[in-house]
């Protein structure tokens, strides 16, 4: 669970054997044009099981990020290429995407 009032969001998922499956963070920063969430690197442990579940895992984790953005009314600035690709493929993220490319 997360606390949208916390300026540092930290998420880790472990499997049934207590092995790290994924980890990601978001930090709230002030820019000249307003406050935004910076979504840092999305790490996932590329095991056979995690590769199979990755699309579902990513969907779940990105829904958490979307919820935080909606609750705080702040956009997200994704830095990880995998997350940028996810934002491109999912139109529901276009309106909360800070520094969205013009071609989208």
Protein backbone atom coordinates (compact mmCIF):
# COMPACT_ATOMS: atom_id res chain seq x y z
CA UNK A 1 0.00 0.00 0.00
CA UNK A 2 1.11 3.55 -0.53
CA UNK A 3 0.62 6.91 1.10
CA UNK A 4 0.02 9.56 -1.60
CA UNK A 5 1.11 12.27 0.86
CA UNK A 6 4.62 10.78 1.05
CA UNK A 7 6.99 12.49 -1.42
CA UNK A 8 9.01 9.27 -1.84
CA UNK A 9 7.13 6.21 -3.05
CA UNK A 10 8.97 2.88 -2.82
CA UNK A 11 7.62 -0.45 -4.06
CA UNK A 12 9.06 -3.97 -3.90
CA UNK A 13 7.41 -7.25 -4.87
CA UNK A 14 8.76 -10.61 -3.71
CA UNK A 15 7.80 -14.10 -4.83
CA UNK A 16 6.81 -17.00 -2.55
CA UNK A 17 10.49 -17.84 -1.99
CA UNK A 18 11.28 -14.30 -0.81
CA UNK A 19 13.14 -13.49 -4.04
CA UNK A 20 12.83 -9.92 -5.28
CA UNK A 21 10.65 -9.82 -8.41
CA UNK A 22 10.47 -6.07 -9.03
CA UNK A 23 11.31 -2.73 -7.47
CA UNK A 24 10.53 0.85 -8.44
CA UNK A 25 10.34 4.30 -6.90
CA UNK A 26 8.75 7.67 -7.56
CA UNK A 27 9.87 10.95 -6.05
CA UNK A 28 7.95 14.19 -5.92
CA UNK A 29 10.05 17.12 -7.15
CA UNK A 30 9.39 20.80 -7.70
CA UNK A 31 10.06 22.17 -11.18
CA UNK A 32 9.68 25.74 -12.41
CA UNK A 33 6.38 24.81 -14.03
CA UNK A 34 5.02 22.81 -11.09
CA UNK A 35 5.41 19.73 -8.92
CA UNK A 36 5.74 16.34 -10.62
CA UNK A 37 6.42 12.71 -9.81
CA UNK A 38 9.69 11.38 -11.24
CA UNK A 39 9.39 7.67 -11.88
CA UNK A 40 12.87 6.21 -11.63
CA UNK A 41 14.17 2.89 -12.95
CA UNK A 42 11.75 -0.05 -12.92
CA UNK A 43 13.84 -3.07 -11.95
CA UNK A 44 12.59 -6.58 -12.44
CA UNK A 45 14.41 -9.83 -11.83
CA UNK A 46 14.32 -11.72 -15.15
CA UNK A 47 13.60 -15.22 -13.87
CA UNK A 48 11.55 -17.65 -15.94
CA UNK A 49 8.51 -17.07 -13.74
CA UNK A 50 8.86 -13.28 -13.75
CA UNK A 51 9.26 -13.18 -17.55
CA UNK A 52 5.95 -15.01 -17.89
CA UNK A 53 4.18 -12.76 -15.41
CA UNK A 54 5.88 -9.49 -16.40
CA UNK A 55 3.03 -8.06 -18.52
CA UNK A 56 0.55 -8.62 -15.67
CA UNK A 57 3.00 -7.39 -13.04
CA UNK A 58 3.71 -4.24 -15.03
CA UNK A 59 -0.02 -3.61 -15.53
CA UNK A 60 -0.61 -3.91 -11.78
CA UNK A 61 2.30 -1.67 -10.83
CA UNK A 62 1.42 0.97 -13.42
CA UNK A 63 -2.14 1.06 -12.08
CA UNK A 64 -0.61 1.95 -8.71
CA UNK A 65 1.39 4.76 -10.34
CA UNK A 66 -1.73 5.99 -12.15
CA UNK A 67 -3.69 5.98 -8.88
CA UNK A 68 -1.01 8.04 -7.14
CA UNK A 69 -0.99 10.58 -9.99
CA UNK A 70 -4.77 10.84 -9.96
CA UNK A 71 -5.02 11.14 -6.16
CA UNK A 72 -2.31 13.79 -5.93
CA UNK A 73 -3.30 15.50 -9.20
CA UNK A 74 0.37 15.51 -10.24
CA UNK A 75 1.82 14.26 -13.54
CA UNK A 76 4.44 11.52 -13.81
CA UNK A 77 7.79 11.98 -15.54
CA UNK A 78 8.95 8.45 -16.47
CA UNK A 79 12.70 8.00 -16.95
CA UNK A 80 12.90 4.26 -17.63
CA UNK A 81 12.65 3.28 -21.34
CA UNK A 82 10.38 0.34 -20.50
CA UNK A 83 7.98 2.63 -18.65
CA UNK A 84 8.08 5.23 -21.43
CA UNK A 85 7.12 2.46 -23.88
CA UNK A 86 4.30 1.42 -21.54
CA UNK A 87 3.01 5.00 -21.34
CA UNK A 88 3.08 5.20 -25.17
CA UNK A 89 1.00 2.03 -25.48
CA UNK A 90 -1.60 2.97 -22.87
CA UNK A 91 -3.60 6.14 -23.66
CA UNK A 92 -4.86 6.43 -20.08
CA UNK A 93 -1.34 7.59 -19.17
CA UNK A 94 -1.10 10.29 -21.85
CA UNK A 95 -2.90 12.96 -19.80
CA UNK A 96 -0.71 12.42 -16.71
CA UNK A 97 2.56 12.12 -18.67
CA UNK A 98 4.98 14.95 -17.89
CA UNK A 99 7.35 15.70 -20.80
CA UNK A 100 5.32 13.53 -23.18
CA UNK A 101 6.86 13.48 -26.67
CA UNK A 102 5.03 15.66 -29.19
CA UNK A 103 4.55 12.70 -31.53
CA UNK A 104 2.08 10.99 -29.18
